[in-house]
PDB file of all heavy atoms in Angstrom:
ATOM      1  N   ALA A   1       0.879  -1.164   0.000  1.00  0.00           N
ATOM      2  CA  ALA A   1       0.000   0.000   0.000  1.00  0.00           C
ATOM      3  C   ALA A   1       0.920   1.219   0.000  1.00  0.00           C
ATOM      4  O   ALA A   1       1.968   1.201   0.643  1.00  0.00           O
ATOM      5  CB  ALA A   1      -0.886   0.002   1.227  1.00  0.00           C
ATOM      6  N   VAL A   2       0.534   2.258  -0.716  1.00  0.00           N
ATOM      7  CA  VAL A   2       1.416   3.416  -0.866  1.00  0.00           C
ATOM      8  C   VAL A   2       0.655   4.711  -0.610  1.00  0.00           C
ATOM      9  O   VAL A   2      -0.578   4.739  -0.671  1.00  0.00           O
ATOM     10  CB  VAL A   2       2.082   3.446  -2.264  1.00  0.00           C
ATOM     11  CG1 VAL A   2       3.094   2.327  -2.388  1.00  0.00           C
ATOM     12  CG2 VAL A   2       1.044   3.355  -3.357  1.00  0.00           C
ATOM     13  N   ALA A   3       1.411   5.742  -0.353  1.00  0.00           N
ATOM     14  CA  ALA A   3       0.807   7.042  -0.064  1.00  0.00           C
ATOM     15  C   ALA A   3       1.779   8.160  -0.384  1.00  0.00           C
ATOM     16  O   ALA A   3       2.985   7.941  -0.520  1.00  0.00           O
ATOM     17  CB  ALA A   3       0.393   7.121   1.401  1.00  0.00           C
ATOM     18  N   TRP A   4       1.230   9.339  -0.500  1.00  0.00           N
ATOM     19  CA  TRP A   4       2.007  10.570  -0.606  1.00  0.00           C
ATOM     20  C   TRP A   4       1.765  11.398   0.653  1.00  0.00           C
ATOM     21  O   TRP A   4       0.619  11.642   1.031  1.00  0.00           O
ATOM     22  CB  TRP A   4       1.601  11.370  -1.830  1.00  0.00           C
ATOM     23  CG  TRP A   4       2.070  10.783  -3.118  1.00  0.00           C
ATOM     24  CD1 TRP A   4       1.379   9.947  -3.951  1.00  0.00           C
ATOM     25  CD2 TRP A   4       3.348  10.988  -3.724  1.00  0.00           C
ATOM     26  NE1 TRP A   4       2.152   9.610  -5.039  1.00  0.00           N
ATOM     27  CE2 TRP A   4       3.364  10.245  -4.919  1.00  0.00           C
ATOM     28  CE3 TRP A   4       4.484  11.726  -3.379  1.00  0.00           C
ATOM     29  CZ2 TRP A   4       4.465  10.217  -5.784  1.00  0.00           C
ATOM     30  CZ3 TRP A   4       5.574  11.696  -4.226  1.00  0.00           C
ATOM     31  CH2 TRP A   4       5.567  10.950  -5.409  1.00  0.00           C
ATOM     32  N   PHE A   5       2.844  11.840   1.247  1.00  0.00           N
ATOM     33  CA  PHE A   5       2.799  12.763   2.366  1.00  0.00           C
ATOM     34  C   PHE A   5       3.490  14.051   1.939  1.00  0.00           C
ATOM     35  O   PHE A   5       4.244  14.080   0.966  1.00  0.00           O
ATOM     36  CB  PHE A   5       3.547  12.181   3.575  1.00  0.00           C
ATOM     37  CG  PHE A   5       2.835  11.057   4.265  1.00  0.00           C
ATOM     38  CD1 PHE A   5       2.831   9.778   3.711  1.00  0.00           C
ATOM     39  CD2 PHE A   5       2.177  11.256   5.463  1.00  0.00           C
ATOM     40  CE1 PHE A   5       2.164   8.732   4.346  1.00  0.00           C
ATOM     41  CE2 PHE A   5       1.513  10.229   6.102  1.00  0.00           C
ATOM     42  CZ  PHE A   5       1.514   8.960   5.542  1.00  0.00           C
ATOM     43  N   ARG A   6       3.236  15.100   2.693  1.00  0.00           N
ATOM     44  CA  ARG A   6       3.968  16.338   2.471  1.00  0.00           C
ATOM     45  C   ARG A   6       4.242  17.013   3.800  1.00  0.00           C
ATOM     46  O   ARG A   6       3.518  16.819   4.769  1.00  0.00           O
ATOM     47  CB  ARG A   6       3.213  17.279   1.529  1.00  0.00           C
ATOM     48  CG  ARG A   6       1.948  17.896   2.118  1.00  0.00           C
ATOM     49  CD  ARG A   6       1.242  18.722   1.058  1.00  0.00           C
ATOM     50  NE  ARG A   6       0.026  19.337   1.576  1.00  0.00           N
ATOM     51  CZ  ARG A   6      -0.852  19.993   0.814  1.00  0.00           C
ATOM     52  NH1 ARG A   6      -0.639  20.128  -0.485  1.00  0.00           N
ATOM     53  NH2 ARG A   6      -1.933  20.522   1.363  1.00  0.00           N
ATOM     54  N   GLN A   7       5.303  17.796   3.791  1.00  0.00           N
ATOM     55  CA  GLN A   7       5.651  18.558   4.989  1.00  0.00           C
ATOM     56  C   GLN A   7       6.154  19.921   4.578  1.00  0.00           C
ATOM     57  O   GLN A   7       7.132  20.036   3.833  1.00  0.00           O
ATOM     58  CB  GLN A   7       6.715  17.821   5.804  1.00  0.00           C
ATOM     59  CG  GLN A   7       6.979  18.482   7.149  1.00  0.00           C
ATOM     60  CD  GLN A   7       7.742  17.580   8.084  1.00  0.00           C
ATOM     61  OE1 GLN A   7       8.445  16.673   7.673  1.00  0.00           O
ATOM     62  NE2 GLN A   7       7.589  17.818   9.381  1.00  0.00           N
ATOM     63  N   ALA A   8       5.460  20.925   5.053  1.00  0.00           N
ATOM     64  CA  ALA A   8       5.856  22.310   4.830  1.00  0.00           C
ATOM     65  C   ALA A   8       6.639  22.793   6.049  1.00  0.00           C
ATOM     66  O   ALA A   8       6.474  22.257   7.143  1.00  0.00           O
ATOM     67  CB  ALA A   8       4.622  23.170   4.604  1.00  0.00           C
ATOM     68  N   PRO A   9       7.468  23.802   5.893  1.00  0.00           N
ATOM     69  CA  PRO A   9       8.265  24.307   7.022  1.00  0.00           C
ATOM     70  C   PRO A   9       7.391  24.697   8.202  1.00  0.00           C
ATOM     71  O   PRO A   9       6.396  25.406   8.049  1.00  0.00           O
ATOM     72  CB  PRO A   9       8.977  25.520   6.423  1.00  0.00           C
ATOM     73  CG  PRO A   9       9.060  25.228   4.976  1.00  0.00           C
ATOM     74  CD  PRO A   9       7.802  24.491   4.632  1.00  0.00           C
ATOM     75  N   GLY A  10       7.756  24.170   9.373  1.00  0.00           N
ATOM     76  CA  GLY A  10       7.020  24.515  10.576  1.00  0.00           C
ATOM     77  C   GLY A  10       5.730  23.759  10.786  1.00  0.00           C
ATOM     78  O   GLY A  10       5.051  23.958  11.805  1.00  0.00           O
ATOM     79  N   LEU A  11       5.393  22.891   9.862  1.00  0.00           N
ATOM     80  CA  LEU A  11       4.150  22.139   9.968  1.00  0.00           C
ATOM     81  C   LEU A  11       4.437  20.643  10.086  1.00  0.00           C
ATOM     82  O   LEU A  11       5.506  20.176   9.710  1.00  0.00           O
ATOM     83  CB  LEU A  11       3.250  22.397   8.757  1.00  0.00           C
ATOM     84  CG  LEU A  11       2.791  23.832   8.544  1.00  0.00           C
ATOM     85  CD1 LEU A  11       1.912  23.926   7.293  1.00  0.00           C
ATOM     86  CD2 LEU A  11       2.042  24.361   9.749  1.00  0.00           C
ATOM     87  N   GLU A  12       3.462  19.920  10.607  1.00  0.00           N
ATOM     88  CA  GLU A  12       3.600  18.475  10.702  1.00  0.00           C
ATOM     89  C   GLU A  12       3.418  17.824   9.336  1.00  0.00           C
ATOM     90  O   GLU A  12       2.745  18.360   8.460  1.00  0.00           O
ATOM     91  CB  GLU A  12       2.560  17.920  11.680  1.00  0.00           C
ATOM     92  CG  GLU A  12       2.797  18.315  13.119  1.00  0.00           C
ATOM     93  CD  GLU A  12       1.852  17.617  14.086  1.00  0.00           C
ATOM     94  OE1 GLU A  12       0.965  16.885  13.608  1.00  0.00           O
ATOM     95  OE2 GLU A  12       2.000  17.810  15.292  1.00  0.00           O
ATOM     96  N   ARG A  13       4.001  16.669   9.205  1.00  0.00           N
ATOM     97  CA  ARG A  13       3.831  15.913   7.971  1.00  0.00           C
ATOM     98  C   ARG A  13       2.386  15.427   7.884  1.00  0.00           C
ATOM     99  O   ARG A  13       1.828  14.936   8.858  1.00  0.00           O
ATOM    100  CB  ARG A  13       4.804  14.736   7.950  1.00  0.00           C
ATOM    101  CG  ARG A  13       4.814  13.960   6.669  1.00  0.00           C
ATOM    102  CD  ARG A  13       6.066  13.120   6.554  1.00  0.00           C
ATOM    103  NE  ARG A  13       6.297  12.262   7.698  1.00  0.00           N
ATOM    104  CZ  ARG A  13       7.389  11.525   7.883  1.00  0.00           C
ATOM    105  NH1 ARG A  13       8.361  11.571   6.989  1.00  0.00           N
ATOM    106  NH2 ARG A  13       7.523  10.742   8.931  1.00  0.00           N
ATOM    107  N   GLU A  14       1.791  15.578   6.713  1.00  0.00           N
ATOM    108  CA  GLU A  14       0.407  15.154   6.545  1.00  0.00           C
ATOM    109  C   GLU A  14       0.282  14.207   5.363  1.00  0.00           C
ATOM    110  O   GLU A  14       1.022  14.320   4.367  1.00  0.00           O
ATOM    111  CB  GLU A  14      -0.527  16.349   6.330  1.00  0.00           C
ATOM    112  CG  GLU A  14      -0.304  17.108   5.039  1.00  0.00           C
ATOM    113  CD  GLU A  14      -1.441  18.076   4.701  1.00  0.00           C
ATOM    114  OE1 GLU A  14      -2.585  17.861   5.171  1.00  0.00           O
ATOM    115  OE2 GLU A  14      -1.196  19.035   3.950  1.00  0.00           O
ATOM    116  N   CYS A  15      -0.671  13.304   5.463  1.00  0.00           N
ATOM    117  CA  CYS A  15      -0.966  12.409   4.361  1.00  0.00           C
ATOM    118  C   CYS A  15      -1.829  13.143   3.357  1.00  0.00           C
ATOM    119  O   CYS A  15      -2.926  13.604   3.681  1.00  0.00           O
ATOM    120  CB  CYS A  15      -1.675  11.162   4.847  1.00  0.00           C
ATOM    121  SG  CYS A  15      -2.022   9.973   3.542  1.00  0.00           S
ATOM    122  N   VAL A  16      -1.334  13.276   2.158  1.00  0.00           N
ATOM    123  CA  VAL A  16      -2.062  13.964   1.101  1.00  0.00           C
ATOM    124  C   VAL A  16      -3.013  13.007   0.391  1.00  0.00           C
ATOM    125  O   VAL A  16      -4.166  13.340   0.117  1.00  0.00           O
ATOM    126  CB  VAL A  16      -1.073  14.574   0.091  1.00  0.00           C
ATOM    127  CG1 VAL A  16      -1.816  15.194  -1.078  1.00  0.00           C
ATOM    128  CG2 VAL A  16      -0.182  15.606   0.766  1.00  0.00           C
ATOM    129  N   ALA A  17      -2.504  11.819   0.097  1.00  0.00           N
ATOM    130  CA  ALA A  17      -3.312  10.829  -0.607  1.00  0.00           C
ATOM    131  C   ALA A  17      -2.725   9.445  -0.357  1.00  0.00           C
ATOM    132  O   ALA A  17      -1.513   9.311  -0.166  1.00  0.00           O
ATOM    133  CB  ALA A  17      -3.349  11.116  -2.112  1.00  0.00           C
ATOM    134  N   ALA A  18      -3.582   8.447  -0.366  1.00  0.00           N
ATOM    135  CA  ALA A  18      -3.147   7.062  -0.176  1.00  0.00           C
ATOM    136  C   ALA A  18      -3.956   6.165  -1.092  1.00  0.00           C
ATOM    137  O   ALA A  18      -5.106   6.481  -1.426  1.00  0.00           O
ATOM    138  CB  ALA A  18      -3.316   6.643   1.278  1.00  0.00           C
ATOM    139  N   ILE A  19      -3.362   5.060  -1.488  1.00  0.00           N
ATOM    140  CA  ILE A  19      -4.045   4.132  -2.384  1.00  0.00           C
ATOM    141  C   ILE A  19      -3.776   2.699  -1.926  1.00  0.00           C
ATOM    142  O   ILE A  19      -2.685   2.373  -1.451  1.00  0.00           O
ATOM    143  CB  ILE A  19      -3.611   4.364  -3.851  1.00  0.00           C
ATOM    144  CG1 ILE A  19      -4.496   3.591  -4.817  1.00  0.00           C
ATOM    145  CG2 ILE A  19      -2.135   4.033  -4.052  1.00  0.00           C
ATOM    146  CD1 ILE A  19      -4.328   4.040  -6.261  1.00  0.00           C
ATOM    147  N   SER A  20      -4.805   1.873  -2.061  1.00  0.00           N
ATOM    148  CA  SER A  20      -4.685   0.489  -1.633  1.00  0.00           C
ATOM    149  C   SER A  20      -3.870  -0.339  -2.623  1.00  0.00           C
ATOM    150  O   SER A  20      -3.567   0.104  -3.743  1.00  0.00           O
ATOM    151  CB  SER A  20      -6.081  -0.117  -1.470  1.00  0.00           C
ATOM    152  OG  SER A  20      -6.782  -0.096  -2.707  1.00  0.00           O
ATOM    153  N   ARG A  21      -3.549  -1.535  -2.203  1.00  0.00           N
ATOM    154  CA  ARG A  21      -2.744  -2.414  -3.030  1.00  0.00           C
ATOM    155  C   ARG A  21      -3.372  -2.671  -4.400  1.00  0.00           C
ATOM    156  O   ARG A  21      -2.677  -2.756  -5.406  1.00  0.00           O
ATOM    157  CB  ARG A  21      -2.540  -3.748  -2.312  1.00  0.00           C
ATOM    158  CG  ARG A  21      -1.650  -3.681  -1.105  1.00  0.00           C
ATOM    159  CD  ARG A  21      -1.625  -4.999  -0.372  1.00  0.00           C
ATOM    160  NE  ARG A  21      -1.210  -6.105  -1.240  1.00  0.00           N
ATOM    161  CZ  ARG A  21      -1.216  -7.378  -0.862  1.00  0.00           C
ATOM    162  NH1 ARG A  21      -1.629  -7.716   0.359  1.00  0.00           N
ATOM    163  NH2 ARG A  21      -0.827  -8.326  -1.695  1.00  0.00           N
ATOM    164  N   ASP A  22      -4.702  -2.820  -4.407  1.00  0.00           N
ATOM    165  CA  ASP A  22      -5.391  -3.168  -5.655  1.00  0.00           C
ATOM    166  C   ASP A  22      -6.047  -1.973  -6.322  1.00  0.00           C
ATOM    167  O   ASP A  22      -6.830  -2.147  -7.261  1.00  0.00           O
ATOM    168  CB  ASP A  22      -6.430  -4.262  -5.381  1.00  0.00           C
ATOM    169  CG  ASP A  22      -7.519  -3.811  -4.415  1.00  0.00           C
ATOM    170  OD1 ASP A  22      -7.467  -2.657  -3.939  1.00  0.00           O
ATOM    171  OD2 ASP A  22      -8.410  -4.618  -4.130  1.00  0.00           O
ATOM    172  N   SER A  23      -5.750  -0.774  -5.849  1.00  0.00           N
ATOM    173  CA  SER A  23      -6.292   0.488  -6.393  1.00  0.00           C
ATOM    174  C   SER A  23      -7.796   0.635  -6.191  1.00  0.00           C
ATOM    175  O   SER A  23      -8.389   1.561  -6.745  1.00  0.00           O
ATOM    176  CB  SER A  23      -5.980   0.629  -7.892  1.00  0.00           C
ATOM    177  OG  SER A  23      -4.596   0.643  -8.121  1.00  0.00           O
ATOM    178  N   SER A  24      -8.402  -0.220  -5.418  1.00  0.00           N
ATOM    179  CA  SER A  24      -9.857  -0.129  -5.246  1.00  0.00           C
ATOM    180  C   SER A  24     -10.266   1.006  -4.321  1.00  0.00           C
ATOM    181  O   SER A  24     -11.411   1.465  -4.376  1.00  0.00           O
ATOM    182  CB  SER A  24     -10.395  -1.459  -4.713  1.00  0.00           C
ATOM    183  OG  SER A  24      -9.879  -1.731  -3.422  1.00  0.00           O
ATOM    184  N   ASN A  25      -9.361   1.433  -3.471  1.00  0.00           N
ATOM    185  CA  ASN A  25      -9.667   2.511  -2.532  1.00  0.00           C
ATOM    186  C   ASN A  25      -8.571   3.560  -2.542  1.00  0.00           C
ATOM    187  O   ASN A  25      -7.386   3.241  -2.666  1.00  0.00           O
ATOM    188  CB  ASN A  25      -9.825   1.966  -1.114  1.00  0.00           C
ATOM    189  CG  ASN A  25     -11.128   1.233  -0.935  1.00  0.00           C
ATOM    190  OD1 ASN A  25     -12.202   1.788  -1.130  1.00  0.00           O
ATOM    191  ND2 ASN A  25     -11.051  -0.037  -0.586  1.00  0.00           N
ATOM    192  N   ALA A  26      -9.003   4.794  -2.395  1.00  0.00           N
ATOM    193  CA  ALA A  26      -8.067   5.910  -2.308  1.00  0.00           C
ATOM    194  C   ALA A  26      -8.559   6.881  -1.250  1.00  0.00           C
ATOM    195  O   ALA A  26      -9.768   7.021  -1.018  1.00  0.00           O
ATOM    196  CB  ALA A  26      -7.921   6.619  -3.652  1.00  0.00           C
ATOM    197  N   TYR A  27      -7.612   7.520  -0.624  1.00  0.00           N
ATOM    198  CA  TYR A  27      -7.900   8.534   0.399  1.00  0.00           C
ATOM    199  C   TYR A  27      -7.282   9.854  -0.062  1.00  0.00           C
ATOM    200  O   TYR A  27      -6.189   9.867  -0.643  1.00  0.00           O
ATOM    201  CB  TYR A  27      -7.281   8.124   1.726  1.00  0.00           C
ATOM    202  CG  TYR A  27      -7.111   9.290   2.685  1.00  0.00           C
ATOM    203  CD1 TYR A  27      -8.138   9.675   3.528  1.00  0.00           C
ATOM    204  CD2 TYR A  27      -5.921  10.015   2.720  1.00  0.00           C
ATOM    205  CE1 TYR A  27      -7.991  10.747   4.386  1.00  0.00           C
ATOM    206  CE2 TYR A  27      -5.761  11.084   3.580  1.00  0.00           C
ATOM    207  CZ  TYR A  27      -6.793  11.438   4.407  1.00  0.00           C
ATOM    208  OH  TYR A  27      -6.643  12.505   5.246  1.00  0.00           O
ATOM    209  N   TYR A  28      -8.011  10.944   0.213  1.00  0.00           N
ATOM    210  CA  TYR A  28      -7.482  12.276  -0.070  1.00  0.00           C
ATOM    211  C   TYR A  28      -7.699  13.178   1.136  1.00  0.00           C
ATOM    212  O   TYR A  28      -8.790  13.174   1.717  1.00  0.00           O
ATOM    213  CB  TYR A  28      -8.159  12.889  -1.288  1.00  0.00           C
ATOM    214  CG  TYR A  28      -7.901  12.131  -2.561  1.00  0.00           C
ATOM    215  CD1 TYR A  28      -8.817  11.199  -3.032  1.00  0.00           C
ATOM    216  CD2 TYR A  28      -6.722  12.323  -3.272  1.00  0.00           C
ATOM    217  CE1 TYR A  28      -8.564  10.475  -4.186  1.00  0.00           C
ATOM    218  CE2 TYR A  28      -6.459  11.609  -4.432  1.00  0.00           C
ATOM    219  CZ  TYR A  28      -7.392  10.681  -4.877  1.00  0.00           C
ATOM    220  OH  TYR A  28      -7.135   9.962  -6.024  1.00  0.00           O
ATOM    221  N   ALA A  29      -6.691  13.945   1.451  1.00  0.00           N
ATOM    222  CA  ALA A  29      -6.867  14.969   2.476  1.00  0.00           C
ATOM    223  C   ALA A  29      -7.834  16.026   1.953  1.00  0.00           C
ATOM    224  O   ALA A  29      -7.907  16.278   0.740  1.00  0.00           O
ATOM    225  CB  ALA A  29      -5.525  15.598   2.814  1.00  0.00           C
ATOM    226  N   ASP A  30      -8.555  16.642   2.862  1.00  0.00           N
ATOM    227  CA  ASP A  30      -9.499  17.680   2.457  1.00  0.00           C
ATOM    228  C   ASP A  30      -8.808  18.788   1.673  1.00  0.00           C
ATOM    229  O   ASP A  30      -9.401  19.384   0.779  1.00  0.00           O
ATOM    230  CB  ASP A  30     -10.177  18.277   3.689  1.00  0.00           C
ATOM    231  CG  ASP A  30     -11.184  17.319   4.317  1.00  0.00           C
ATOM    232  OD1 ASP A  30     -11.600  16.347   3.642  1.00  0.00           O
ATOM    233  OD2 ASP A  30     -11.555  17.548   5.481  1.00  0.00           O
ATOM    234  N   SER A  31      -7.563  19.033   2.010  1.00  0.00           N
ATOM    235  CA  SER A  31      -6.826  20.130   1.379  1.00  0.00           C
ATOM    236  C   SER A  31      -6.572  19.907  -0.112  1.00  0.00           C
ATOM    237  O   SER A  31      -6.312  20.862  -0.842  1.00  0.00           O
ATOM    238  CB  SER A  31      -5.499  20.366   2.104  1.00  0.00           C
ATOM    239  OG  SER A  31      -4.739  19.164   2.135  1.00  0.00           O
ATOM    240  N   VAL A  32      -6.638  18.658  -0.563  1.00  0.00           N
ATOM    241  CA  VAL A  32      -6.366  18.374  -1.981  1.00  0.00           C
ATOM    242  C   VAL A  32      -7.536  17.700  -2.676  1.00  0.00           C
ATOM    243  O   VAL A  32      -7.471  17.438  -3.880  1.00  0.00           O
ATOM    244  CB  VAL A  32      -5.103  17.512  -2.165  1.00  0.00           C
ATOM    245  CG1 VAL A  32      -3.903  18.185  -1.539  1.00  0.00           C
ATOM    246  CG2 VAL A  32      -5.316  16.113  -1.622  1.00  0.00           C
ATOM    247  N   LYS A  33      -8.597  17.433  -1.932  1.00  0.00           N
ATOM    248  CA  LYS A  33      -9.742  16.742  -2.514  1.00  0.00           C
ATOM    249  C   LYS A  33     -10.283  17.541  -3.691  1.00  0.00           C
ATOM    250  O   LYS A  33     -10.512  18.754  -3.594  1.00  0.00           O
ATOM    251  CB  LYS A  33     -10.820  16.551  -1.448  1.00  0.00           C
ATOM    252  CG  LYS A  33     -11.768  15.393  -1.713  1.00  0.00           C
ATOM    253  CD  LYS A  33     -12.591  15.080  -0.479  1.00  0.00           C
ATOM    254  CE  LYS A  33     -11.768  14.432   0.605  1.00  0.00           C
ATOM    255  NZ  LYS A  33     -12.576  14.031   1.790  1.00  0.00           N
ATOM    256  N   GLY A  34     -10.472  16.881  -4.809  1.00  0.00           N
ATOM    257  CA  GLY A  34     -10.936  17.539  -6.023  1.00  0.00           C
ATOM    258  C   GLY A  34      -9.817  18.100  -6.885  1.00  0.00           C
ATOM    259  O   GLY A  34     -10.046  18.468  -8.035  1.00  0.00           O
ATOM    260  N   ARG A  35      -8.618  18.179  -6.334  1.00  0.00           N
ATOM    261  CA  ARG A  35      -7.466  18.697  -7.092  1.00  0.00           C
ATOM    262  C   ARG A  35      -6.363  17.660  -7.254  1.00  0.00           C
ATOM    263  O   ARG A  35      -5.494  17.824  -8.104  1.00  0.00           O
ATOM    264  CB  ARG A  35      -6.871  19.923  -6.384  1.00  0.00           C
ATOM    265  CG  ARG A  35      -7.820  21.065  -6.191  1.00  0.00           C
ATOM    266  CD  ARG A  35      -7.095  22.298  -5.652  1.00  0.00           C
ATOM    267  NE  ARG A  35      -6.495  22.044  -4.339  1.00  0.00           N
ATOM    268  CZ  ARG A  35      -5.186  22.133  -4.097  1.00  0.00           C
ATOM    269  NH1 ARG A  35      -4.343  22.445  -5.057  1.00  0.00           N
ATOM    270  NH2 ARG A  35      -4.726  21.922  -2.863  1.00  0.00           N
ATOM    271  N   GLY A  36      -6.389  16.646  -6.434  1.00  0.00           N
ATOM    272  CA  GLY A  36      -5.350  15.634  -6.456  1.00  0.00           C
ATOM    273  C   GLY A  36      -5.891  14.278  -6.882  1.00  0.00           C
ATOM    274  O   GLY A  36      -7.034  13.941  -6.575  1.00  0.00           O
ATOM    275  N   THR A  37      -5.056  13.531  -7.591  1.00  0.00           N
ATOM    276  CA  THR A  37      -5.418  12.173  -7.983  1.00  0.00           C
ATOM    277  C   THR A  37      -4.218  11.272  -7.779  1.00  0.00           C
ATOM    278  O   THR A  37      -3.156  11.506  -8.358  1.00  0.00           O
ATOM    279  CB  THR A  37      -5.856  12.107  -9.454  1.00  0.00           C
ATOM    280  OG1 THR A  37      -6.938  13.003  -9.682  1.00  0.00           O
ATOM    281  CG2 THR A  37      -6.296  10.694  -9.819  1.00  0.00           C
ATOM    282  N   ILE A  38      -4.399  10.244  -6.968  1.00  0.00           N
ATOM    283  CA  ILE A  38      -3.344   9.258  -6.766  1.00  0.00           C
ATOM    284  C   ILE A  38      -3.662   8.041  -7.627  1.00  0.00           C
ATOM    285  O   ILE A  38      -4.818   7.630  -7.747  1.00  0.00           O
ATOM    286  CB  ILE A  38      -3.192   8.873  -5.283  1.00  0.00           C
ATOM    287  CG1 ILE A  38      -1.961   7.995  -5.071  1.00  0.00           C
ATOM    288  CG2 ILE A  38      -4.456   8.223  -4.733  1.00  0.00           C
ATOM    289  CD1 ILE A  38      -1.616   7.766  -3.591  1.00  0.00           C
TER     290      ILE A  38
END
């Protein structure tokens, strides 16, 4: 299973998007929902 995280200066690392092994499920942070595709 894989994911993308990001960390900006002074901020905690956050999960931006994650995808399951078989691509059947994906997660998006609210901050990128509608703009990001994993």
